[in-house]
Every structure is written in structure tokens, then in C-alpha cells.
Amino acid sequence: MTGIVATPWRSGRARAQADESAMARVMRTRRIRYGVVDAQPPYCCKDPVSGAWRGFMVDLAADLAGPLGAVTAPVESTWGTAVLDVQAGKVDIFFGLGPSPEREKAVDFVKPLYQNAFALIARAGFDPTRWKDLDDPAVRVAIEIGSIYDLNVGQLCPNATVIRLRTNNDALLSVQARRADCQIIAIILALTTLSRNAGLGHLVVPEPQFLYPTSGIVAKEPDQAWRNHIDGWIDQRRGAGALRRMLIANLALVGVKAEDVPAQMLF
């Protein structure tokens, strides 16, 4: 008899927790789950020995959690599956993504962290200066599948031969192996990659510059308290110069100096 009574009580409690808003869950658990993608400095990377995560996204999550008295819990993912992880309730916030019409149907975007730009890591001997220089079937362009680059490559160079790969690192390896002529990648990631190994290729910022906001995504829900809280935090930390300081500090860890940060990156 006891077991029969206890089962509905547990299911009712589980339903209540499943229906609670993200803000209520964070305040109840004092825990913020955030998405991370390995081998993506300065955004995030995992120490192979200790297993600890570090990077801009890690610092953002810690800064967001501090005033709430919360701890942070990194959840490993990929850029291509970030939206699905947010929809599935695996993470409370996933920083580092740019908006697109397709993504905005599935998740909500918080306010921009900064303005980013598309760049190329091009192989030796391949020297485009404009996006139209890529708009040829003879040009092989490597991108990470499901990424912001994938969502826009059809607009930038619709006639290029696009090689879609699982990760940014896979796309880079295809350029290194000369299976691709270039990789489309965010300018910050390009600077970081080339600072570690200049022999991988050279940086190109094609004209006209393709700028896009780098933001974060949260689940769509009727109660907007969590999204509104993050928006207010972003406004406050941007005004204090903290967002720029966090990014510059993480760039320095991979050999990129503050003066190397391009003017296109507006905070």
C-alpha cells in the first residue's frame, strides 16, 4: 500500500520540476549548466590531464553564476548540436553562437556579447580578397557542419564546393592536407589557431566584411525571467568593460595580444 501511494507523489514532484522555469531551476539547484566545445580556444578547451575546462565561455559562466551563489557545470557538446542540447534541457545557457532565422525558431538568443567577423584560414598559394573569389566550383571551402558558417555559406559563395565536416579541427586538417583551399571560421578562432601554428595557412578577412553578433542561447519558455536576467547581466558587464577583459585575457593564454584584436570586434 505504501508503494502505491508513493508513486504518484514522486511523479507529481517530477512533473513540477519538469515544468519549472529555467530561472526557478537555477535558483533551486544553485547550479548553472553551460555548453562547452573542446579544442576551441580562446572560447573553451579541456585540460587533457586534469580534465578542467578553461576559456572565455568558462569565465562567462562563472561570472554569471557568482552573484546568484551558484556553481557551474560544463556540459560537453559541439557547435552543431548546441541548439539541440538547449532544446533538450541539457544546458541552461550556451555561449558563443550567432543568430540565424533557423536558430531563432528553435531557441531564444540573449543580448550580443560582442561583434564578430567571418575570416578564412587559407592554404599557401590561395589568396582570395573578396567573397566572390570563392564563388567557383573549383574552390573547395571547408566548414563545420551545423555551424554559423554552414548557415551562411550559401549566401557568401553559393557556387563553391563546400566540404562539411564534424568539427572546426576537421575542417582545418582538410586545409592542411590540401583537400580544401580554405576554411571559413570566426576571426577570433582564426587568430588563435594561427598564433599556435603559423604554418597551417594564412589569415584572410574577405570583403565585404561579414559581421555577426556573438551571443548565447537559452530555451524558449513562457517565463522569460532567465533570459531577462542574463540580458541584464550582459548590459552590466559590458558597461564595466568586463566582457572585453575576459576575452582579451583568454586570448593572451594562446599568444594573441590585445593589439591583435581587430577593430571589427565591437564590445
C-alpha atoms as a PDB file:
ATOM      1  CA  MET A   1       0.000   0.000   0.000  1.00  0.00           C
ATOM      2  CA  THR A   2       2.823   2.386   0.818  1.00  0.00           C
ATOM      3  CA  GLY A   3       4.445   1.831  -2.562  1.00  0.00           C
ATOM      4  CA  ILE A   4       1.169   2.534  -4.375  1.00  0.00           C
ATOM      5  CA  VAL A   5       0.746   5.861  -2.597  1.00  0.00           C
ATOM      6  CA  ALA A   6       4.389   6.942  -3.036  1.00  0.00           C
ATOM      7  CA  THR A   7       4.498   6.503  -6.805  1.00  0.00           C
ATOM      8  CA  PRO A   8       2.015   9.306  -7.692  1.00  0.00           C
ATOM      9  CA  TRP A   9       3.761  11.619  -5.203  1.00  0.00           C
ATOM     10  CA  ARG A  10       7.107  11.107  -6.914  1.00  0.00           C
ATOM     11  CA  SER A  11       5.665  11.523 -10.394  1.00  0.00           C
ATOM     12  CA  GLY A  12       3.864  14.697  -9.294  1.00  0.00           C
ATOM     13  CA  ARG A  13       7.085  16.116  -7.908  1.00  0.00           C
ATOM     14  CA  ALA A  14       8.946  15.167 -11.087  1.00  0.00           C
ATOM     15  CA  ARG A  15       6.276  16.888 -13.185  1.00  0.00           C
ATOM     16  CA  ALA A  16       6.528  20.026 -11.068  1.00  0.00           C
ATOM     17  CA  GLN A  17      10.294  20.162 -11.543  1.00  0.00           C
ATOM     18  CA  ALA A  18       9.981  19.467 -15.270  1.00  0.00           C
ATOM     19  CA  ASP A  19       7.530  22.363 -15.620  1.00  0.00           C
ATOM     20  CA  GLU A  20       9.514  24.875 -13.583  1.00  0.00           C
ATOM     21  CA  SER A  21      11.194  27.762 -15.372  1.00  0.00           C
ATOM     22  CA  ALA A  22      14.929  27.911 -16.011  1.00  0.00           C
ATOM     23  CA  MET A  23      15.282  30.756 -13.503  1.00  0.00           C
ATOM     24  CA  ALA A  24      13.418  28.792 -10.842  1.00  0.00           C
ATOM     25  CA  ARG A  25      15.539  25.701 -11.503  1.00  0.00           C
ATOM     26  CA  VAL A  26      18.798  27.639 -11.270  1.00  0.00           C
ATOM     27  CA  MET A  27      17.730  29.259  -8.018  1.00  0.00           C
ATOM     28  CA  ARG A  28      16.544  25.935  -6.587  1.00  0.00           C
ATOM     29  CA  THR A  29      19.672  23.961  -7.543  1.00  0.00           C
ATOM     30  CA  ARG A  30      22.166  26.854  -7.354  1.00  0.00           C
ATOM     31  CA  ARG A  31      23.734  25.281 -10.440  1.00  0.00           C
ATOM     32  CA  ILE A  32      24.202  26.631 -13.971  1.00  0.00           C
ATOM     33  CA  ARG A  33      24.781  24.065 -16.706  1.00  0.00           C
ATOM     34  CA  TYR A  34      26.558  25.578 -19.693  1.00  0.00           C
ATOM     35  CA  GLY A  35      27.743  24.209 -23.026  1.00  0.00           C
ATOM     36  CA  VAL A  36      31.418  23.744 -23.868  1.00  0.00           C
ATOM     37  CA  VAL A  37      33.195  22.645 -27.042  1.00  0.00           C
ATOM     38  CA  ASP A  38      36.641  21.127 -26.707  1.00  0.00           C
ATOM     39  CA  ALA A  39      39.732  22.407 -28.528  1.00  0.00           C
ATOM     40  CA  GLN A  40      38.204  25.821 -29.260  1.00  0.00           C
ATOM     41  CA  PRO A  41      40.497  28.318 -27.510  1.00  0.00           C
ATOM     42  CA  PRO A  42      40.002  31.083 -26.523  1.00  0.00           C
ATOM     43  CA  TYR A  43      36.340  30.060 -26.146  1.00  0.00           C
ATOM     44  CA  CYS A  44      36.949  26.816 -24.296  1.00  0.00           C
ATOM     45  CA  CYS A  45      39.287  23.861 -24.076  1.00  0.00           C
ATOM     46  CA  LYS A  46      39.763  20.912 -21.743  1.00  0.00           C
ATOM     47  CA  ASP A  47      42.997  20.128 -19.957  1.00  0.00           C
ATOM     48  CA  PRO A  48      43.862  16.567 -21.069  1.00  0.00           C
ATOM     49  CA  VAL A  49      45.474  15.767 -17.706  1.00  0.00           C
ATOM     50  CA  SER A  50      43.224  17.378 -15.095  1.00  0.00           C
ATOM     51  CA  GLY A  51      40.019  17.410 -17.133  1.00  0.00           C
ATOM     52  CA  ALA A  52      39.427  21.041 -16.102  1.00  0.00           C
ATOM     53  CA  TRP A  53      37.847  23.441 -18.580  1.00  0.00           C
ATOM     54  CA  ARG A  54      39.116  26.941 -19.239  1.00  0.00           C
ATOM     55  CA  GLY A  55      38.366  29.724 -21.679  1.00  0.00           C
ATOM     56  CA  PHE A  56      36.110  32.695 -22.340  1.00  0.00           C
ATOM     57  CA  MET A  57      32.894  30.664 -22.105  1.00  0.00           C
ATOM     58  CA  VAL A  58      34.049  29.155 -18.814  1.00  0.00           C
ATOM     59  CA  ASP A  59      34.780  32.612 -17.379  1.00  0.00           C
ATOM     60  CA  LEU A  60      31.443  33.953 -18.606  1.00  0.00           C
ATOM     61  CA  ALA A  61      29.561  31.152 -16.865  1.00  0.00           C
ATOM     62  CA  ALA A  62      31.487  31.704 -13.622  1.00  0.00           C
ATOM     63  CA  ASP A  63      30.832  35.445 -13.748  1.00  0.00           C
ATOM     64  CA  LEU A  64      27.118  34.845 -14.368  1.00  0.00           C
ATOM     65  CA  ALA A  65      26.916  32.321 -11.513  1.00  0.00           C
ATOM     66  CA  GLY A  66      28.757  34.355  -8.880  1.00  0.00           C
ATOM     67  CA  PRO A  67      26.043  36.849  -7.876  1.00  0.00           C
ATOM     68  CA  LEU A  68      23.481  34.023  -7.795  1.00  0.00           C
ATOM     69  CA  GLY A  69      25.536  31.964  -5.372  1.00  0.00           C
ATOM     70  CA  ALA A  70      25.551  29.182  -7.954  1.00  0.00           C
ATOM     71  CA  VAL A  71      28.170  26.693  -9.126  1.00  0.00           C
ATOM     72  CA  THR A  72      28.817  25.955 -12.784  1.00  0.00           C
ATOM     73  CA  ALA A  73      28.618  22.603 -14.549  1.00  0.00           C
ATOM     74  CA  PRO A  74      30.175  22.318 -18.027  1.00  0.00           C
ATOM     75  CA  VAL A  75      28.368  20.035 -20.480  1.00  0.00           C
ATOM     76  CA  GLU A  76      30.470  18.959 -23.450  1.00  0.00           C
ATOM     77  CA  SER A  77      28.855  19.427 -26.844  1.00  0.00           C
ATOM     78  CA  THR A  78      29.601  20.722 -30.350  1.00  0.00           C
ATOM     79  CA  TRP A  79      28.589  23.895 -32.161  1.00  0.00           C
ATOM     80  CA  GLY A  80      26.452  21.789 -34.476  1.00  0.00           C
ATOM     81  CA  THR A  81      24.434  20.215 -31.643  1.00  0.00           C
ATOM     82  CA  ALA A  82      24.249  23.249 -29.332  1.00  0.00           C
ATOM     83  CA  VAL A  83      20.669  24.125 -30.281  1.00  0.00           C
ATOM     84  CA  LEU A  84      19.512  20.533 -29.733  1.00  0.00           C
ATOM     85  CA  ASP A  85      21.183  20.420 -26.316  1.00  0.00           C
ATOM     86  CA  VAL A  86      19.418  23.612 -25.240  1.00  0.00           C
ATOM     87  CA  GLN A  87      16.066  22.351 -26.545  1.00  0.00           C
ATOM     88  CA  ALA A  88      16.546  19.043 -24.731  1.00  0.00           C
ATOM     89  CA  GLY A  89      17.187  20.834 -21.438  1.00  0.00           C
ATOM     90  CA  LYS A  90      20.753  19.575 -21.130  1.00  0.00           C
ATOM     91  CA  VAL A  91      22.144  23.086 -20.587  1.00  0.00           C
ATOM     92  CA  ASP A  92      20.800  26.360 -19.208  1.00  0.00           C
ATOM     93  CA  ILE A  93      22.965  28.603 -21.412  1.00  0.00           C
ATOM     94  CA  PHE A  94      25.219  28.034 -24.405  1.00  0.00           C
ATOM     95  CA  PHE A  95      27.516  30.969 -25.137  1.00  0.00           C
ATOM     96  CA  GLY A  96      29.372  31.655 -28.367  1.00  0.00           C
ATOM     97  CA  LEU A  97      26.670  31.318 -31.029  1.00  0.00           C
ATOM     98  CA  GLY A  98      25.381  33.776 -33.591  1.00  0.00           C
ATOM     99  CA  PRO A  99      21.710  34.182 -34.507  1.00  0.00           C
ATOM    100  CA  SER A 100      20.104  32.937 -37.696  1.00  0.00           C
ATOM    101  CA  PRO A 101      16.443  32.668 -38.740  1.00  0.00           C
ATOM    102  CA  GLU A 102      16.586  28.874 -38.356  1.00  0.00           C
ATOM    103  CA  ARG A 103      18.088  29.013 -34.878  1.00  0.00           C
ATOM    104  CA  GLU A 104      15.709  31.746 -33.733  1.00  0.00           C
ATOM    105  CA  LYS A 105      12.773  29.438 -34.462  1.00  0.00           C
ATOM    106  CA  ALA A 106      14.197  26.859 -32.071  1.00  0.00           C
ATOM    107  CA  VAL A 107      15.795  28.819 -29.213  1.00  0.00           C
ATOM    108  CA  ASP A 108      15.960  32.315 -27.763  1.00  0.00           C
ATOM    109  CA  PHE A 109      19.065  34.476 -28.090  1.00  0.00           C
ATOM    110  CA  VAL A 110      20.298  36.682 -25.286  1.00  0.00           C
ATOM    111  CA  LYS A 111      21.867  40.062 -25.994  1.00  0.00           C
ATOM    112  CA  PRO A 112      25.124  40.066 -28.004  1.00  0.00           C
ATOM    113  CA  LEU A 113      28.421  39.689 -26.162  1.00  0.00           C
ATOM    114  CA  TYR A 114      30.407  41.302 -28.990  1.00  0.00           C
ATOM    115  CA  GLN A 115      30.506  41.695 -32.755  1.00  0.00           C
ATOM    116  CA  ASN A 116      32.447  39.018 -34.642  1.00  0.00           C
ATOM    117  CA  ALA A 117      33.548  38.614 -38.264  1.00  0.00           C
ATOM    118  CA  PHE A 118      33.963  35.726 -40.674  1.00  0.00           C
ATOM    119  CA  ALA A 119      37.529  35.038 -41.778  1.00  0.00           C
ATOM    120  CA  LEU A 120      39.410  32.415 -43.738  1.00  0.00           C
ATOM    121  CA  ILE A 121      42.385  30.235 -42.952  1.00  0.00           C
ATOM    122  CA  ALA A 122      43.703  29.793 -46.480  1.00  0.00           C
ATOM    123  CA  ARG A 123      46.313  27.361 -47.736  1.00  0.00           C
ATOM    124  CA  ALA A 124      49.591  28.591 -49.174  1.00  0.00           C
ATOM    125  CA  GLY A 125      49.122  29.836 -52.718  1.00  0.00           C
ATOM    126  CA  PHE A 126      45.422  30.571 -52.294  1.00  0.00           C
ATOM    127  CA  ASP A 127      44.991  34.324 -51.861  1.00  0.00           C
ATOM    128  CA  PRO A 128      41.369  35.478 -52.186  1.00  0.00           C
ATOM    129  CA  THR A 129      40.474  39.008 -51.173  1.00  0.00           C
ATOM    130  CA  ARG A 130      36.705  39.017 -51.724  1.00  0.00           C
ATOM    131  CA  TRP A 131      33.925  36.507 -51.101  1.00  0.00           C
ATOM    132  CA  LYS A 132      33.270  36.395 -54.831  1.00  0.00           C
ATOM    133  CA  ASP A 133      36.761  34.898 -55.268  1.00  0.00           C
ATOM    134  CA  LEU A 134      35.400  31.783 -53.524  1.00  0.00           C
ATOM    135  CA  ASP A 135      32.240  31.633 -55.623  1.00  0.00           C
ATOM    136  CA  ASP A 136      33.502  28.991 -58.045  1.00  0.00           C
ATOM    137  CA  PRO A 137      33.021  25.194 -58.060  1.00  0.00           C
ATOM    138  CA  ALA A 138      36.793  24.846 -58.381  1.00  0.00           C
ATOM    139  CA  VAL A 139      37.231  26.407 -54.921  1.00  0.00           C
ATOM    140  CA  ARG A 140      36.926  23.941 -52.026  1.00  0.00           C
ATOM    141  CA  VAL A 141      35.653  25.512 -48.808  1.00  0.00           C
ATOM    142  CA  ALA A 142      35.759  23.560 -45.531  1.00  0.00           C
ATOM    143  CA  ILE A 143      33.286  24.323 -42.736  1.00  0.00           C
ATOM    144  CA  GLU A 144      31.963  22.756 -39.561  1.00  0.00           C
ATOM    145  CA  ILE A 145      28.558  21.243 -40.225  1.00  0.00           C
ATOM    146  CA  GLY A 146      25.666  22.967 -38.489  1.00  0.00           C
ATOM    147  CA  SER A 147      27.787  25.990 -37.552  1.00  0.00           C
ATOM    148  CA  ILE A 148      27.082  29.666 -38.220  1.00  0.00           C
ATOM    149  CA  TYR A 149      29.434  29.321 -41.213  1.00  0.00           C
ATOM    150  CA  ASP A 150      27.326  26.483 -42.594  1.00  0.00           C
ATOM    151  CA  LEU A 151      24.192  28.584 -42.235  1.00  0.00           C
ATOM    152  CA  ASN A 152      25.677  31.437 -44.291  1.00  0.00           C
ATOM    153  CA  VAL A 153      27.999  29.808 -46.823  1.00  0.00           C
ATOM    154  CA  GLY A 154      25.189  29.587 -49.367  1.00  0.00           C
ATOM    155  CA  GLN A 155      24.808  33.359 -49.235  1.00  0.00           C
ATOM    156  CA  LEU A 156      28.525  34.163 -49.348  1.00  0.00           C
ATOM    157  CA  CYS A 157      29.734  31.779 -52.051  1.00  0.00           C
ATOM    158  CA  PRO A 158      26.826  29.701 -53.376  1.00  0.00           C
ATOM    159  CA  ASN A 159      28.820  28.101 -56.197  1.00  0.00           C
ATOM    160  CA  ALA A 160      31.819  26.970 -54.151  1.00  0.00           C
ATOM    161  CA  THR A 161      32.392  23.296 -53.446  1.00  0.00           C
ATOM    162  CA  VAL A 162      31.556  23.076 -49.750  1.00  0.00           C
ATOM    163  CA  ILE A 163      33.144  20.351 -47.618  1.00  0.00           C
ATOM    164  CA  ARG A 164      31.106  19.899 -44.440  1.00  0.00           C
ATOM    165  CA  LEU A 165      32.951  18.269 -41.562  1.00  0.00           C
ATOM    166  CA  ARG A 166      32.132  17.364 -37.963  1.00  0.00           C
ATOM    167  CA  THR A 167      34.373  19.914 -36.200  1.00  0.00           C
ATOM    168  CA  ASN A 168      36.405  23.032 -36.873  1.00  0.00           C
ATOM    169  CA  ASN A 169      39.548  20.978 -36.298  1.00  0.00           C
ATOM    170  CA  ASP A 170      38.487  18.536 -39.008  1.00  0.00           C
ATOM    171  CA  ALA A 171      37.969  21.474 -41.375  1.00  0.00           C
ATOM    172  CA  LEU A 172      41.420  22.817 -40.532  1.00  0.00           C
ATOM    173  CA  LEU A 173      43.020  19.439 -41.160  1.00  0.00           C
ATOM    174  CA  SER A 174      41.425  19.342 -44.600  1.00  0.00           C
ATOM    175  CA  VAL A 175      43.125  22.662 -45.450  1.00  0.00           C
ATOM    176  CA  GLN A 176      46.420  21.414 -44.049  1.00  0.00           C
ATOM    177  CA  ALA A 177      46.136  18.266 -46.184  1.00  0.00           C
ATOM    178  CA  ARG A 178      45.204  20.424 -49.199  1.00  0.00           C
ATOM    179  CA  ARG A 179      41.862  18.685 -49.568  1.00  0.00           C
ATOM    180  CA  ALA A 180      40.346  22.160 -49.136  1.00  0.00           C
ATOM    181  CA  ASP A 181      41.574  25.576 -50.249  1.00  0.00           C
ATOM    182  CA  CYS A 182      40.328  27.399 -47.170  1.00  0.00           C
ATOM    183  CA  GLN A 183      38.280  27.148 -44.018  1.00  0.00           C
ATOM    184  CA  ILE A 184      35.600  29.653 -43.016  1.00  0.00           C
ATOM    185  CA  ILE A 185      35.960  30.400 -39.327  1.00  0.00           C
ATOM    186  CA  ALA A 186      35.385  33.215 -36.833  1.00  0.00           C
ATOM    187  CA  ILE A 187      38.228  35.713 -36.846  1.00  0.00           C
ATOM    188  CA  ILE A 188      38.997  35.096 -33.160  1.00  0.00           C
ATOM    189  CA  LEU A 189      39.360  31.358 -33.733  1.00  0.00           C
ATOM    190  CA  ALA A 190      41.495  32.021 -36.810  1.00  0.00           C
ATOM    191  CA  LEU A 191      43.844  34.299 -34.861  1.00  0.00           C
ATOM    192  CA  THR A 192      44.133  31.714 -32.097  1.00  0.00           C
ATOM    193  CA  THR A 193      44.814  28.845 -34.480  1.00  0.00           C
ATOM    194  CA  LEU A 194      47.482  30.692 -36.462  1.00  0.00           C
ATOM    195  CA  SER A 195      49.177  32.023 -33.329  1.00  0.00           C
ATOM    196  CA  ARG A 196      49.883  28.419 -32.347  1.00  0.00           C
ATOM    197  CA  ASN A 197      50.994  27.274 -35.802  1.00  0.00           C
ATOM    198  CA  ALA A 198      51.505  29.881 -38.494  1.00  0.00           C
ATOM    199  CA  GLY A 199      52.405  27.149 -40.964  1.00  0.00           C
ATOM    200  CA  LEU A 200      48.804  25.947 -41.130  1.00  0.00           C
ATOM    201  CA  GLY A 201      47.889  28.751 -43.510  1.00  0.00           C
ATOM    202  CA  HIS A 202      47.315  32.485 -43.569  1.00  0.00           C
ATOM    203  CA  LEU A 203      44.531  34.773 -42.403  1.00  0.00           C
ATOM    204  CA  VAL A 204      42.182  36.423 -44.877  1.00  0.00           C
ATOM    205  CA  VAL A 205      39.254  38.694 -43.971  1.00  0.00           C
ATOM    206  CA  PRO A 206      37.313  38.816 -47.260  1.00  0.00           C
ATOM    207  CA  GLU A 207      35.478  41.886 -48.461  1.00  0.00           C
ATOM    208  CA  PRO A 208      32.794  42.875 -47.937  1.00  0.00           C
ATOM    209  CA  GLN A 209      33.263  42.006 -44.287  1.00  0.00           C
ATOM    210  CA  PHE A 210      30.648  39.631 -42.938  1.00  0.00           C
ATOM    211  CA  LEU A 211      29.905  40.752 -39.385  1.00  0.00           C
ATOM    212  CA  TYR A 212      27.634  38.958 -36.964  1.00  0.00           C
ATOM    213  CA  PRO A 213      26.883  39.183 -33.250  1.00  0.00           C
ATOM    214  CA  THR A 214      28.261  36.519 -30.943  1.00  0.00           C
ATOM    215  CA  SER A 215      25.658  35.792 -28.324  1.00  0.00           C
ATOM    216  CA  GLY A 216      24.262  32.910 -26.297  1.00  0.00           C
ATOM    217  CA  ILE A 217      21.170  30.746 -26.484  1.00  0.00           C
ATOM    218  CA  VAL A 218      18.582  29.646 -23.931  1.00  0.00           C
ATOM    219  CA  ALA A 219      15.465  27.519 -24.207  1.00  0.00           C
ATOM    220  CA  LYS A 220      12.215  29.099 -25.332  1.00  0.00           C
ATOM    221  CA  GLU A 221       9.777  29.243 -22.421  1.00  0.00           C
ATOM    222  CA  PRO A 222       6.775  31.348 -21.333  1.00  0.00           C
ATOM    223  CA  ASP A 223       8.620  32.667 -18.276  1.00  0.00           C
ATOM    224  CA  GLN A 224      11.342  34.982 -19.595  1.00  0.00           C
ATOM    225  CA  ALA A 225      12.978  35.579 -16.196  1.00  0.00           C
ATOM    226  CA  TRP A 226      16.160  33.626 -17.018  1.00  0.00           C
ATOM    227  CA  ARG A 227      16.675  35.309 -20.376  1.00  0.00           C
ATOM    228  CA  ASN A 228      15.950  38.724 -18.865  1.00  0.00           C
ATOM    229  CA  HIS A 229      18.392  38.086 -16.035  1.00  0.00           C
ATOM    230  CA  ILE A 230      21.162  37.168 -18.491  1.00  0.00           C
ATOM    231  CA  ASP A 231      20.395  40.235 -20.635  1.00  0.00           C
ATOM    232  CA  GLY A 232      20.711  42.482 -17.593  1.00  0.00           C
ATOM    233  CA  TRP A 233      23.963  40.811 -16.591  1.00  0.00           C
ATOM    234  CA  ILE A 234      25.389  41.291 -20.118  1.00  0.00           C
ATOM    235  CA  ASP A 235      24.465  45.002 -20.103  1.00  0.00           C
ATOM    236  CA  GLN A 236      26.114  45.479 -16.728  1.00  0.00           C
ATOM    237  CA  ARG A 237      29.301  43.557 -17.532  1.00  0.00           C
ATOM    238  CA  ARG A 238      29.714  45.152 -20.953  1.00  0.00           C
ATOM    239  CA  GLY A 239      29.328  48.597 -19.417  1.00  0.00           C
ATOM    240  CA  ALA A 240      32.018  47.746 -16.884  1.00  0.00           C
ATOM    241  CA  GLY A 241      34.373  46.534 -19.625  1.00  0.00           C
ATOM    242  CA  ALA A 242      34.397  43.039 -18.118  1.00  0.00           C
ATOM    243  CA  LEU A 243      33.414  41.164 -21.295  1.00  0.00           C
ATOM    244  CA  ARG A 244      36.330  42.611 -23.238  1.00  0.00           C
ATOM    245  CA  ARG A 245      38.752  41.970 -20.361  1.00  0.00           C
ATOM    246  CA  MET A 246      37.702  38.330 -20.108  1.00  0.00           C
ATOM    247  CA  LEU A 247      38.139  37.739 -23.832  1.00  0.00           C
ATOM    248  CA  ILE A 248      41.500  39.548 -24.009  1.00  0.00           C
ATOM    249  CA  ALA A 249      42.769  37.569 -21.009  1.00  0.00           C
ATOM    250  CA  ASN A 250      41.885  34.275 -22.680  1.00  0.00           C
ATOM    251  CA  LEU A 251      43.399  35.362 -25.993  1.00  0.00           C
ATOM    252  CA  ALA A 252      46.640  36.119 -24.158  1.00  0.00           C
ATOM    253  CA  LEU A 253      46.755  32.495 -22.963  1.00  0.00           C
ATOM    254  CA  VAL A 254      47.074  31.379 -26.581  1.00  0.00           C
ATOM    255  CA  GLY A 255      49.530  34.050 -27.688  1.00  0.00           C
ATOM    256  CA  VAL A 256      47.183  36.661 -29.165  1.00  0.00           C
ATOM    257  CA  LYS A 257      47.877  40.182 -27.913  1.00  0.00           C
ATOM    258  CA  ALA A 258      45.255  42.843 -27.262  1.00  0.00           C
ATOM    259  CA  GLU A 259      46.573  44.907 -30.168  1.00  0.00           C
ATOM    260  CA  ASP A 260      45.980  41.923 -32.492  1.00  0.00           C
ATOM    261  CA  VAL A 261      42.236  42.012 -31.834  1.00  0.00           C
ATOM    262  CA  PRO A 262      40.706  43.524 -34.980  1.00  0.00           C
ATOM    263  CA  ALA A 263      38.713  46.727 -34.900  1.00  0.00           C
ATOM    264  CA  GLN A 264      35.685  44.834 -36.273  1.00  0.00           C
ATOM    265  CA  MET A 265      35.195  43.253 -32.849  1.00  0.00           C
ATOM    266  CA  LEU A 266      32.972  45.729 -31.079  1.00  0.00           C
ATOM    267  CA  PHE A 267      32.071  45.242 -27.419  1.00  0.00           C
END
